[in-house]
Amino acid sequence: MPKDHLNTVFKGALILSISSLVAKILSAVYRIPLQNMVGNTGFYVYQQIYPLYGIGMTFALNGFPNFISKLVAEQPDETSKSLIARRAFHILSGLSLVVFFGLQLGATWIAAHMGDVNLAPIISAVAWMFVFMPWLATGRGYYQGKFLMGPTAVSQLIEQVVRVAIIIMAAYFSVRLGWDNYRMGTWAMSSAPLAAICSSLIFTAFGLRYLLAPAPAPTHPLPSYRKLTKRFVIEGGTLCLVAAVVILLQLVDSFTVMRGLVHQGQLPEVAKALKGVYDRGQPLVQLGLVVATAFSATLLPALTDALANRQPIEFKRQTQAMVHVSLALSMAATVGLVALMPQINRLLFGSLEGTTALRIYIISILFAALITTYTSVLQSLNEYTAMIIGIIAGLATKVLANYIFVVHYGINGASAVTVLSLAVMFAVMWLGSPEDLQQVLLESGYLIKLLALSAVMGIVVILSCHQITALVGPILANTRGMAGIITVIGVLIGVLVFVAGAVYARLFTIREWLVLPYGKRLIKAVAKGKEHHS
């Protein structure tokens, strides 16, 4: 790959990574004020339907654009690129119309199987988003296939900002005007199609020129619609499945948790509130994943470069750095959140309800981060079999076990099955990956060091929080303000213990330290300290 072209690819990847990071943070953070404004039951109403939106946006944002970009990049000239994008648009239009009409006509049936027929209008509202999916996915895929990431990044940010603004406005007017939770939910989910319209405007010129104008004569043979549809289903479907793993587990929760709680003996209104409490875990997991995967993602371009230049040793080093950084950050985030969960729950959501369930749910960060990292590496190697089998095995675990566990153990059971499902997914992927990739986790006692360090950090944080609580007294400790102070102190203590322990135990190589924020400064500081003592 020419150097100039490689630089373009790297810059594009960086732009897209930054916009994705901002979008993910927005997507996680807005749900905290939403829950505070509309309460547990209002949050339940929104979260029950959120997975349908999440799946649609995964299709439009990640899965299909990535596949279409591959199709576009394969074409030899501009005319062929525009024609293959046009065919992709036609196929996606057919798929999106099937989904749209399926959701519109089946809204009541879907809502009934979720255990709450009042959700039907909200399902109908979110269905309109799928009408705009082909335009968004094709536009994004076309520009990505030409290594132009700017339009995708801008459309991603516009979509998220518009949607979040509408949701918060809907929550505000709901409280101000006394709307019921279902009316609030309908307006909040109307944000999905409205945001899709706004982000689609970025691709207006592209669409008018390449999708709606008369088609030029082909300069090279193109795959038939039949072959292209088959590739969409197999290759595009695989990418969508990988990107939507966590959301698919949430969709299973939408169909099983509420019904399981009612079967357990809870009154419907109590069950709705409990599901809302359980859903508090989702923004926390999202934030944890942002932290765990953001810095390891910076190694992806180097991974691509090593593959392109056929440098197996360099590829292994970059893979090891990526897995080690992702695992360490996800482990630190998981242990820290588990240790601080009572204070975080009080600070963000105003009560201690569901603290045990949230502590269990948070463990999802660890396995979800590993799945994200391993799928990135496996995709770069074109190894899809282990990914697909792993995802199917994990989803099957969730579908088969969730309802039973909820009936017996309530929302604690739902949390445990989510963690178990992700653990099954990762175990299958790990066992099915090449031997070199398996060994990355086991080399040089890395895992043992990390587990020991994380345990020490967790114990120190818990003891520190207990000590502060004893000093200020239980009444003051139970206020949101003091919960915030304890959380900040706990985070600072946890970071200091983890970093000091990582330096002492030589947890990371120099390459891995350089990926982390302020890693270069830390290496210099440690080197100076050694010189001073020698």
Protein backbone atom coordinates (compact mmCIF):
# COMPACT_ATOMS: atom_id res chain seq x y z
CA MET A 1 0.00 0.00 0.00
CA PRO A 2 1.54 3.40 -1.01
CA LYS A 3 2.61 5.58 1.89
CA ASP A 4 0.35 8.53 0.94
CA HIS A 5 -2.65 6.23 0.62
CA LEU A 6 -1.80 4.57 3.94
CA ASN A 7 -1.64 8.00 5.64
CA THR A 8 -5.09 8.81 4.22
CA VAL A 9 -6.43 5.53 5.62
CA PHE A 10 -4.90 6.22 9.05
CA LYS A 11 -6.23 9.80 9.17
CA GLY A 12 -9.68 8.59 8.13
CA ALA A 13 -9.63 5.86 10.77
CA LEU A 14 -8.64 8.43 13.40
CA ILE A 15 -11.47 10.82 12.40
CA LEU A 16 -14.01 8.01 12.50
CA SER A 17 -12.66 6.72 15.83
CA ILE A 18 -12.95 10.15 17.46
CA SER A 19 -16.52 10.70 16.19
CA SER A 20 -17.49 7.18 17.29
CA LEU A 21 -16.04 7.84 20.74
CA VAL A 22 -17.99 11.10 21.13
CA ALA A 23 -21.18 9.40 19.87
CA LYS A 24 -20.74 6.49 22.30
CA ILE A 25 -20.22 8.84 25.25
CA LEU A 26 -23.33 10.81 24.30
CA SER A 27 -25.30 7.59 23.88
CA ALA A 28 -24.35 6.43 27.37
CA VAL A 29 -24.53 9.71 29.28
CA TYR A 30 -27.97 10.99 28.21
CA ARG A 31 -29.73 8.03 29.82
CA ILE A 32 -28.68 9.13 33.29
CA PRO A 33 -30.61 12.46 33.23
CA LEU A 34 -33.42 10.67 31.38
CA GLN A 35 -33.82 8.19 34.24
CA ASN A 36 -33.62 10.98 36.82
CA MET A 37 -36.38 12.94 35.04
CA VAL A 38 -38.86 10.15 34.23
CA GLY A 39 -38.14 7.65 37.03
CA ASN A 40 -37.72 3.88 36.94
CA THR A 41 -41.00 3.13 35.14
CA GLY A 42 -40.45 5.83 32.51
CA PHE A 43 -36.93 4.53 31.98
CA TYR A 44 -38.34 1.00 31.59
CA VAL A 45 -40.70 2.23 28.85
CA TYR A 46 -37.81 3.77 26.91
CA GLN A 47 -35.40 0.88 27.43
CA GLN A 48 -37.91 -1.79 26.38
CA ILE A 49 -37.91 -0.42 22.81
CA TYR A 50 -34.33 0.90 22.71
CA PRO A 51 -32.88 -2.40 21.36
CA LEU A 52 -35.00 -2.04 18.19
CA TYR A 53 -33.45 1.39 17.61
CA GLY A 54 -30.01 0.07 18.54
CA ILE A 55 -30.20 -2.78 16.02
CA GLY A 56 -31.36 -0.41 13.26
CA MET A 57 -28.54 2.05 13.92
CA THR A 58 -25.99 -0.77 14.08
CA PHE A 59 -27.13 -1.78 10.61
CA ALA A 60 -26.99 1.82 9.33
CA LEU A 61 -23.82 2.88 11.17
CA ASN A 62 -21.50 -0.14 11.39
CA GLY A 63 -22.53 -3.43 9.84
CA PHE A 64 -23.83 -2.60 6.36
CA PRO A 65 -21.62 0.50 5.78
CA ASN A 66 -18.53 -1.61 6.51
CA PHE A 67 -19.71 -4.26 4.05
CA ILE A 68 -20.68 -1.72 1.37
CA SER A 69 -17.30 0.00 1.77
CA LYS A 70 -15.67 -3.35 1.01
CA LEU A 71 -17.83 -3.76 -2.12
CA VAL A 72 -16.99 -0.21 -3.28
CA ALA A 73 -13.25 -0.65 -2.61
CA GLU A 74 -13.26 -3.84 -4.75
CA GLN A 75 -14.45 -1.97 -7.88
CA PRO A 76 -11.83 -0.85 -10.46
CA ASP A 77 -13.26 2.55 -11.45
CA GLU A 78 -15.62 5.34 -10.40
CA THR A 79 -18.52 4.17 -12.58
CA SER A 80 -18.39 0.67 -11.12
CA LYS A 81 -18.19 2.08 -7.59
CA SER A 82 -21.33 4.19 -8.12
CA LEU A 83 -23.22 1.29 -9.75
CA ILE A 84 -22.37 -1.17 -6.97
CA ALA A 85 -23.52 1.45 -4.41
CA ARG A 86 -26.79 1.81 -6.36
CA ARG A 87 -27.39 -1.95 -6.28
CA ALA A 88 -26.59 -2.06 -2.57
CA PHE A 89 -29.14 0.73 -2.03
CA HIS A 90 -31.83 -1.25 -3.88
CA ILE A 91 -31.19 -4.40 -1.84
CA LEU A 92 -31.18 -2.50 1.46
CA SER A 93 -34.36 -0.65 0.46
CA GLY A 94 -36.15 -3.98 0.05
CA LEU A 95 -34.83 -5.22 3.40
CA SER A 96 -35.71 -2.00 5.24
CA LEU A 97 -39.28 -1.98 3.87
CA VAL A 98 -39.79 -5.56 5.05
CA VAL A 99 -38.57 -4.58 8.55
CA PHE A 100 -40.61 -1.36 8.54
CA PHE A 101 -43.90 -3.04 7.62
CA GLY A 102 -43.13 -5.96 9.93
CA LEU A 103 -42.75 -3.59 12.89
CA GLN A 104 -45.79 -1.49 11.94
CA LEU A 105 -48.12 -4.43 11.40
CA GLY A 106 -46.68 -6.49 14.25
CA ALA A 107 -46.34 -3.69 16.83
CA THR A 108 -49.20 -4.92 19.02
CA TRP A 109 -48.04 -8.55 18.78
CA ILE A 110 -44.44 -7.59 19.70
CA ALA A 111 -45.63 -5.41 22.58
CA ALA A 112 -47.84 -8.22 23.91
CA HIS A 113 -44.88 -10.63 23.87
CA MET A 114 -42.86 -8.05 25.77
CA GLY A 115 -45.61 -8.21 28.40
CA ASP A 116 -46.98 -4.68 27.86
CA VAL A 117 -49.39 -3.89 24.97
CA ASN A 118 -49.10 -0.15 25.75
CA LEU A 119 -45.66 -0.24 24.10
CA ALA A 120 -47.19 -0.69 20.60
CA PRO A 121 -47.25 3.05 19.61
CA ILE A 122 -43.59 3.38 20.61
CA ILE A 123 -42.65 0.43 18.38
CA SER A 124 -44.55 2.06 15.50
CA ALA A 125 -42.67 5.32 16.10
CA VAL A 126 -39.21 3.76 16.01
CA ALA A 127 -40.07 1.71 12.89
CA TRP A 128 -39.88 4.85 10.71
CA MET A 129 -36.13 4.96 11.28
CA PHE A 130 -35.69 1.88 9.07
CA VAL A 131 -37.05 3.81 6.06
CA PHE A 132 -33.89 5.96 6.12
CA MET A 133 -31.46 3.11 6.83
CA PRO A 134 -30.62 2.36 3.12
CA TRP A 135 -29.77 6.00 2.38
CA LEU A 136 -27.54 6.31 5.49
CA ALA A 137 -25.82 2.94 5.13
CA THR A 138 -25.13 3.34 1.39
CA GLY A 139 -23.83 6.90 1.76
CA ARG A 140 -21.56 5.97 4.62
CA GLY A 141 -20.37 2.79 2.91
CA TYR A 142 -19.63 4.56 -0.39
CA TYR A 143 -17.43 7.24 1.18
CA GLN A 144 -15.71 4.75 3.51
CA GLY A 145 -14.96 2.58 0.46
CA LYS A 146 -13.15 5.59 -1.01
CA PHE A 147 -11.36 6.10 2.35
CA LEU A 148 -13.23 9.37 2.98
CA MET A 149 -14.39 9.09 6.59
CA GLY A 150 -15.47 12.72 7.09
CA PRO A 151 -19.10 12.37 5.84
CA THR A 152 -19.63 9.27 8.00
CA ALA A 153 -18.17 10.97 11.08
CA VAL A 154 -20.29 14.13 10.61
CA SER A 155 -23.52 12.18 9.98
CA GLN A 156 -22.83 10.04 13.05
CA LEU A 157 -22.43 13.08 15.30
CA ILE A 158 -25.48 14.86 13.85
CA GLU A 159 -27.63 11.76 14.37
CA GLN A 160 -26.58 11.36 17.99
CA VAL A 161 -26.81 15.05 18.96
CA VAL A 162 -30.27 15.51 17.40
CA ARG A 163 -31.59 12.30 18.93
CA VAL A 164 -30.29 13.04 22.43
CA ALA A 165 -31.66 16.61 22.30
CA ILE A 166 -35.14 15.39 21.33
CA ILE A 167 -35.14 12.68 24.03
CA ILE A 168 -34.19 15.13 26.80
CA MET A 169 -36.82 17.61 25.52
CA ALA A 170 -39.44 14.84 25.54
CA ALA A 171 -38.51 13.96 29.14
CA TYR A 172 -38.62 17.64 30.16
CA PHE A 173 -42.09 18.23 28.65
CA SER A 174 -43.29 14.92 30.09
CA VAL A 175 -42.47 16.13 33.60
CA ARG A 176 -43.65 19.68 32.95
CA LEU A 177 -46.97 18.80 31.28
CA GLY A 178 -47.74 15.62 33.20
CA TRP A 179 -47.61 13.18 30.27
CA ASP A 180 -47.91 9.48 31.03
CA ASN A 181 -44.81 7.34 30.51
CA TYR A 182 -46.01 5.84 27.22
CA ARG A 183 -46.62 9.23 25.61
CA MET A 184 -43.17 10.29 26.76
CA GLY A 185 -41.72 7.07 25.30
CA THR A 186 -43.43 7.63 21.93
CA TRP A 187 -42.01 11.16 21.65
CA ALA A 188 -38.58 10.00 22.83
CA MET A 189 -38.47 7.21 20.24
CA SER A 190 -39.67 9.59 17.53
CA SER A 191 -36.17 11.02 17.91
CA ALA A 192 -34.82 8.04 15.95
CA PRO A 193 -36.45 8.81 12.55
CA LEU A 194 -36.06 12.59 13.05
CA ALA A 195 -32.34 12.18 13.77
CA ALA A 196 -32.02 9.82 10.80
CA ILE A 197 -33.56 12.48 8.52
CA CYS A 198 -31.11 15.13 9.77
CA SER A 199 -28.03 12.89 9.40
CA SER A 200 -29.24 11.76 5.94
CA LEU A 201 -28.98 15.35 4.67
CA ILE A 202 -25.18 14.95 4.61
CA PHE A 203 -25.60 12.46 1.75
CA THR A 204 -28.11 14.49 -0.31
CA ALA A 205 -25.65 15.35 -3.10
CA PHE A 206 -24.34 11.77 -3.18
CA GLY A 207 -27.86 10.33 -3.33
CA LEU A 208 -29.10 12.65 -6.07
CA ARG A 209 -26.02 11.95 -8.19
CA TYR A 210 -25.44 8.23 -7.64
CA LEU A 211 -28.68 6.69 -6.36
CA LEU A 212 -31.56 8.60 -7.97
CA ALA A 213 -30.08 9.93 -11.25
CA PRO A 214 -30.21 7.73 -14.41
CA ALA A 215 -27.61 4.95 -14.15
CA PRO A 216 -24.52 5.19 -16.39
CA ALA A 217 -23.55 2.26 -18.63
CA PRO A 218 -21.36 -0.26 -16.76
CA THR A 219 -17.67 -0.34 -17.69
CA HIS A 220 -17.01 -3.70 -16.02
CA PRO A 221 -19.20 -6.74 -15.21
CA LEU A 222 -21.00 -6.36 -11.88
CA PRO A 223 -22.25 -9.17 -9.63
CA SER A 224 -25.91 -10.03 -10.17
CA TYR A 225 -28.54 -8.94 -7.67
CA ARG A 226 -28.87 -12.57 -6.62
CA LYS A 227 -25.16 -12.99 -5.84
CA LEU A 228 -25.01 -9.57 -4.21
CA THR A 229 -28.03 -10.33 -1.99
CA LYS A 230 -26.37 -13.59 -0.92
CA ARG A 231 -23.23 -11.66 0.05
CA PHE A 232 -25.36 -9.12 1.92
CA VAL A 233 -26.97 -11.88 3.95
CA ILE A 234 -23.76 -13.82 4.72
CA GLU A 235 -20.97 -11.22 4.90
CA GLY A 236 -23.03 -8.12 5.73
CA GLY A 237 -25.19 -10.09 8.16
CA THR A 238 -22.06 -11.34 9.94
CA LEU A 239 -20.71 -7.80 10.40
CA CYS A 240 -24.12 -6.63 11.69
CA LEU A 241 -24.32 -9.56 14.10
CA VAL A 242 -20.85 -8.83 15.49
CA ALA A 243 -21.60 -5.11 15.91
CA ALA A 244 -24.97 -5.74 17.62
CA VAL A 245 -23.96 -8.39 20.18
CA VAL A 246 -24.73 -6.42 23.37
CA ILE A 247 -27.91 -4.90 21.88
CA LEU A 248 -29.24 -8.35 20.94
CA LEU A 249 -28.84 -9.44 24.56
CA GLN A 250 -30.82 -6.35 25.60
CA LEU A 251 -33.53 -7.33 23.10
CA VAL A 252 -33.83 -10.73 24.82
CA ASP A 253 -34.20 -8.85 28.12
CA SER A 254 -37.07 -6.80 26.63
CA PHE A 255 -39.01 -10.01 25.92
CA THR A 256 -38.19 -11.92 29.11
CA VAL A 257 -37.40 -9.75 32.17
CA MET A 258 -40.78 -8.00 32.58
CA ARG A 259 -42.73 -11.22 31.91
CA GLY A 260 -40.44 -13.23 34.20
CA LEU A 261 -40.90 -10.78 37.07
CA VAL A 262 -44.69 -10.94 36.70
CA HIS A 263 -44.52 -14.75 36.67
CA GLN A 264 -42.38 -14.54 39.81
CA GLY A 265 -45.35 -12.87 41.49
CA GLN A 266 -44.58 -9.17 41.15
CA LEU A 267 -47.41 -6.78 40.31
CA PRO A 268 -47.07 -5.40 36.74
CA GLU A 269 -46.30 -1.85 37.96
CA VAL A 270 -43.66 -3.18 40.37
CA ALA A 271 -42.18 -5.35 37.59
CA LYS A 272 -41.90 -2.32 35.28
CA ALA A 273 -40.08 -0.32 37.95
CA LEU A 274 -37.71 -3.24 38.65
CA LYS A 275 -36.93 -3.57 34.94
CA GLY A 276 -36.15 0.18 34.95
CA VAL A 277 -33.75 -0.38 37.87
CA TYR A 278 -32.11 -3.28 35.99
CA ASP A 279 -31.70 -1.06 32.91
CA ARG A 280 -29.53 1.34 34.92
CA GLY A 281 -26.67 -1.03 34.17
CA GLN A 282 -26.70 -0.37 30.42
CA PRO A 283 -25.28 3.19 30.39
CA LEU A 284 -22.69 2.15 32.99
CA VAL A 285 -21.56 -0.78 30.82
CA GLN A 286 -21.46 1.50 27.76
CA LEU A 287 -19.26 4.02 29.56
CA GLY A 288 -17.00 1.23 30.82
CA LEU A 289 -16.64 -0.12 27.29
CA VAL A 290 -15.76 3.33 25.94
CA VAL A 291 -12.88 3.50 28.43
CA ALA A 292 -11.82 -0.12 27.86
CA THR A 293 -11.75 -0.06 24.05
CA ALA A 294 -10.95 3.55 23.12
CA PHE A 295 -7.19 3.37 23.63
CA SER A 296 -6.72 -0.17 22.28
CA ALA A 297 -8.55 0.94 19.11
CA THR A 298 -5.66 3.32 18.39
CA LEU A 299 -3.59 0.22 17.55
CA LEU A 300 -5.94 -0.90 14.75
CA PRO A 301 -4.20 1.08 11.96
CA ALA A 302 -0.82 -0.40 13.00
CA LEU A 303 -2.42 -3.85 12.94
CA THR A 304 -3.72 -3.20 9.42
CA ASP A 305 -0.31 -1.92 8.31
CA ALA A 306 1.46 -5.02 9.65
CA LEU A 307 -0.96 -7.28 7.77
CA ALA A 308 -0.68 -5.27 4.54
CA ASN A 309 3.11 -5.43 4.68
CA ARG A 310 3.14 -9.12 5.65
CA GLN A 311 4.97 -8.65 8.94
CA PRO A 312 3.76 -11.55 11.16
CA ILE A 313 6.02 -10.71 14.12
CA GLU A 314 4.90 -7.07 14.15
CA PHE A 315 1.28 -8.18 13.77
CA LYS A 316 1.63 -10.44 16.82
CA ARG A 317 3.20 -7.62 18.86
CA GLN A 318 0.43 -5.20 17.96
CA THR A 319 -2.22 -7.83 18.70
CA GLN A 320 -0.66 -8.54 22.09
CA ALA A 321 -0.57 -4.83 22.92
CA MET A 322 -4.20 -4.40 21.85
CA VAL A 323 -5.45 -7.38 23.89
CA HIS A 324 -3.37 -6.52 26.97
CA VAL A 325 -4.45 -2.85 27.05
CA SER A 326 -8.12 -3.71 26.44
CA LEU A 327 -8.14 -6.45 29.09
CA ALA A 328 -6.34 -4.31 31.70
CA LEU A 329 -8.61 -1.28 31.22
CA SER A 330 -11.78 -3.39 31.18
CA MET A 331 -10.67 -5.28 34.31
CA ALA A 332 -9.82 -2.02 36.10
CA ALA A 333 -13.14 -0.43 35.06
CA THR A 334 -15.09 -3.53 36.10
CA VAL A 335 -13.47 -3.91 39.53
CA GLY A 336 -13.64 -0.18 40.19
CA LEU A 337 -17.34 0.07 39.30
CA VAL A 338 -18.19 -3.04 41.35
CA ALA A 339 -16.34 -1.63 44.36
CA LEU A 340 -17.98 1.81 44.04
CA MET A 341 -21.43 0.65 42.91
CA PRO A 342 -23.42 1.71 46.02
CA GLN A 343 -22.04 5.25 45.76
CA ILE A 344 -22.38 5.38 41.95
CA ASN A 345 -25.97 4.12 42.14
CA ARG A 346 -26.84 6.77 44.73
CA LEU A 347 -25.00 9.54 42.86
CA LEU A 348 -26.38 8.88 39.35
CA PHE A 349 -29.82 7.42 40.04
CA GLY A 350 -30.71 8.69 43.51
CA SER A 351 -31.18 5.35 45.29
CA LEU A 352 -29.48 2.07 46.20
CA GLU A 353 -32.11 -0.09 44.45
CA GLY A 354 -30.65 -2.94 42.43
CA THR A 355 -27.06 -2.47 43.61
CA THR A 356 -26.40 -6.23 43.63
CA ALA A 357 -27.90 -6.70 40.15
CA LEU A 358 -25.82 -3.78 38.84
CA ARG A 359 -22.65 -5.17 40.39
CA ILE A 360 -23.23 -8.45 38.55
CA TYR A 361 -24.20 -6.68 35.31
CA ILE A 362 -21.03 -4.56 35.35
CA ILE A 363 -18.90 -7.72 34.88
CA SER A 364 -20.25 -7.61 31.30
CA ILE A 365 -17.67 -4.89 30.57
CA LEU A 366 -14.82 -7.37 30.93
CA PHE A 367 -16.15 -9.93 28.45
CA ALA A 368 -17.71 -7.40 26.05
CA ALA A 369 -14.35 -5.57 25.75
CA LEU A 370 -12.53 -8.83 25.05
CA ILE A 371 -15.14 -9.80 22.45
CA THR A 372 -14.78 -6.39 20.76
CA THR A 373 -11.00 -6.69 20.67
CA TYR A 374 -10.89 -10.29 19.48
CA THR A 375 -13.49 -9.69 16.77
CA SER A 376 -11.39 -6.77 15.46
CA VAL A 377 -8.35 -9.04 15.18
CA LEU A 378 -10.31 -11.99 13.74
CA GLN A 379 -11.99 -9.74 11.14
CA SER A 380 -8.59 -8.44 10.05
CA LEU A 381 -7.55 -12.09 9.53
CA ASN A 382 -10.85 -12.89 7.73
CA GLU A 383 -11.58 -15.52 10.41
CA TYR A 384 -15.37 -15.42 10.78
CA THR A 385 -16.32 -18.97 11.81
CA ALA A 386 -15.33 -18.70 15.49
CA MET A 387 -17.08 -15.31 15.75
CA ILE A 388 -20.37 -16.57 14.34
CA ILE A 389 -20.40 -19.77 16.41
CA GLY A 390 -19.50 -17.79 19.54
CA ILE A 391 -22.24 -15.20 19.02
CA ILE A 392 -24.87 -17.86 18.30
CA ALA A 393 -23.80 -19.87 21.38
CA GLY A 394 -23.96 -16.76 23.60
CA LEU A 395 -27.36 -15.66 22.28
CA ALA A 396 -28.71 -19.21 22.68
CA THR A 397 -27.54 -19.18 26.31
CA LYS A 398 -29.36 -15.89 26.93
CA VAL A 399 -32.58 -16.99 25.19
CA LEU A 400 -32.74 -20.38 26.94
CA ALA A 401 -31.73 -19.30 30.46
CA ASN A 402 -32.93 -15.71 30.94
CA TYR A 403 -36.64 -16.24 31.65
CA ILE A 404 -35.96 -19.14 34.06
CA PHE A 405 -33.31 -17.18 35.98
CA VAL A 406 -35.55 -14.09 36.20
CA VAL A 407 -38.44 -16.17 37.60
CA HIS A 408 -36.16 -17.67 40.27
CA TYR A 409 -33.71 -14.83 41.02
CA GLY A 410 -35.32 -11.64 39.69
CA ILE A 411 -33.13 -8.96 38.08
CA ASN A 412 -30.03 -10.53 39.71
CA GLY A 413 -30.72 -13.58 37.54
CA ALA A 414 -31.02 -11.48 34.37
CA SER A 415 -27.67 -9.83 35.14
CA ALA A 416 -25.99 -13.18 35.77
CA VAL A 417 -27.25 -14.64 32.47
CA THR A 418 -26.01 -11.59 30.54
CA VAL A 419 -22.52 -12.11 31.97
CA LEU A 420 -22.70 -15.87 31.35
CA SER A 421 -23.79 -15.32 27.73
CA LEU A 422 -20.90 -12.95 27.02
CA ALA A 423 -18.47 -15.35 28.74
CA VAL A 424 -19.70 -18.19 26.49
CA MET A 425 -19.29 -15.97 23.40
CA PHE A 426 -15.74 -15.06 24.32
CA ALA A 427 -14.77 -18.63 25.31
CA VAL A 428 -15.91 -19.99 21.93
CA MET A 429 -14.14 -17.18 20.03
CA TRP A 430 -10.95 -17.69 22.03
CA LEU A 431 -10.93 -21.47 21.54
CA GLY A 432 -11.65 -21.08 17.82
CA SER A 433 -9.00 -18.41 17.21
CA PRO A 434 -5.48 -19.16 15.89
CA GLU A 435 -3.06 -20.55 18.47
CA ASP A 436 -0.93 -17.37 18.48
CA LEU A 437 -4.00 -15.31 19.36
CA GLN A 438 -4.91 -17.73 22.17
CA GLN A 439 -1.44 -17.47 23.68
CA VAL A 440 -1.61 -13.66 23.90
CA LEU A 441 -3.65 -13.93 27.13
CA LEU A 442 -1.39 -16.52 28.70
CA GLU A 443 2.10 -15.19 27.99
CA SER A 444 4.57 -14.17 30.73
CA GLY A 445 2.10 -14.51 33.62
CA TYR A 446 0.21 -11.42 32.44
CA LEU A 447 -3.22 -12.70 33.49
CA ILE A 448 -2.07 -13.71 37.01
CA LYS A 449 -0.45 -10.30 37.57
CA LEU A 450 -3.56 -8.50 36.35
CA LEU A 451 -5.94 -10.54 38.54
CA ALA A 452 -3.78 -10.00 41.65
CA LEU A 453 -3.42 -6.27 40.97
CA SER A 454 -7.17 -5.85 40.34
CA ALA A 455 -8.02 -7.69 43.57
CA VAL A 456 -5.70 -5.44 45.59
CA MET A 457 -7.15 -2.32 43.93
CA GLY A 458 -10.74 -3.44 44.64
CA ILE A 459 -10.04 -4.21 48.30
CA VAL A 460 -8.25 -0.88 48.86
CA VAL A 461 -11.11 1.07 47.23
CA ILE A 462 -13.81 -0.74 49.26
CA LEU A 463 -11.91 -0.24 52.54
CA SER A 464 -11.34 3.45 51.73
CA CYS A 465 -15.06 3.97 51.05
CA HIS A 466 -16.00 2.22 54.29
CA GLN A 467 -13.53 4.40 56.20
CA ILE A 468 -14.92 7.64 54.73
CA THR A 469 -18.49 6.50 55.43
CA ALA A 470 -17.58 5.77 59.07
CA LEU A 471 -15.96 9.19 59.41
CA VAL A 472 -18.89 11.24 58.03
CA GLY A 473 -21.66 9.07 59.49
CA PRO A 474 -24.41 7.05 57.74
CA ILE A 475 -26.87 9.95 57.35
CA LEU A 476 -24.45 12.24 55.48
CA ALA A 477 -22.96 9.29 53.55
CA ASN A 478 -26.42 8.52 52.10
CA THR A 479 -26.76 11.92 50.40
CA ARG A 480 -26.05 12.26 46.66
CA GLY A 481 -23.45 14.96 47.28
CA MET A 482 -21.39 12.82 49.64
CA ALA A 483 -21.84 9.80 47.34
CA GLY A 484 -20.24 11.93 44.62
CA ILE A 485 -17.32 12.93 46.85
CA ILE A 486 -16.73 9.31 47.91
CA THR A 487 -16.91 8.18 44.26
CA VAL A 488 -14.30 10.74 43.14
CA ILE A 489 -11.97 9.84 46.03
CA GLY A 490 -12.47 6.13 45.31
CA VAL A 491 -11.67 6.58 41.61
CA LEU A 492 -8.49 8.54 42.39
CA ILE A 493 -7.34 5.92 44.92
CA GLY A 494 -8.15 3.11 42.47
CA VAL A 495 -6.21 4.74 39.62
CA LEU A 496 -3.17 5.40 41.83
CA VAL A 497 -3.13 1.82 43.19
CA PHE A 498 -3.59 0.30 39.73
CA VAL A 499 -0.93 2.43 38.01
CA ALA A 500 1.59 1.98 40.83
CA GLY A 501 0.92 -1.76 40.87
CA ALA A 502 1.21 -2.01 37.08
CA VAL A 503 4.63 -0.25 37.19
CA TYR A 504 5.86 -2.38 40.11
CA ALA A 505 4.69 -5.68 38.57
CA ARG A 506 5.85 -4.68 35.06
CA LEU A 507 2.38 -5.44 33.75
CA PHE A 508 2.87 -3.61 30.43
CA THR A 509 5.64 -3.45 27.87
CA ILE A 510 6.91 -0.01 26.80
CA ARG A 511 4.82 -0.32 23.60
CA GLU A 512 1.69 -0.91 25.71
CA TRP A 513 2.42 2.00 28.07
CA LEU A 514 2.71 4.33 25.06
CA VAL A 515 -0.87 3.53 24.01
CA LEU A 516 -2.23 4.74 27.36
CA PRO A 517 -2.81 8.43 28.19
CA TYR A 518 0.29 9.98 29.81
CA GLY A 519 2.09 6.66 29.32
CA LYS A 520 5.12 8.39 27.79
CA ARG A 521 5.42 10.76 30.76
CA LEU A 522 5.14 7.87 33.20
CA ILE A 523 7.91 5.92 31.45
CA LYS A 524 10.19 8.99 31.64
CA ALA A 525 9.34 9.55 35.33
CA VAL A 526 10.11 5.91 36.22
CA ALA A 527 13.37 6.06 34.24
CA LYS A 528 14.44 9.24 36.08
CA GLY A 529 13.54 7.64 39.42
CA LYS A 530 15.77 4.65 38.67
CA GLU A 531 18.65 6.93 37.66
CA HIS A 532 18.23 8.90 40.89
CA HIS A 533 18.36 5.77 43.07
CA SER A 534 21.26 4.18 41.20
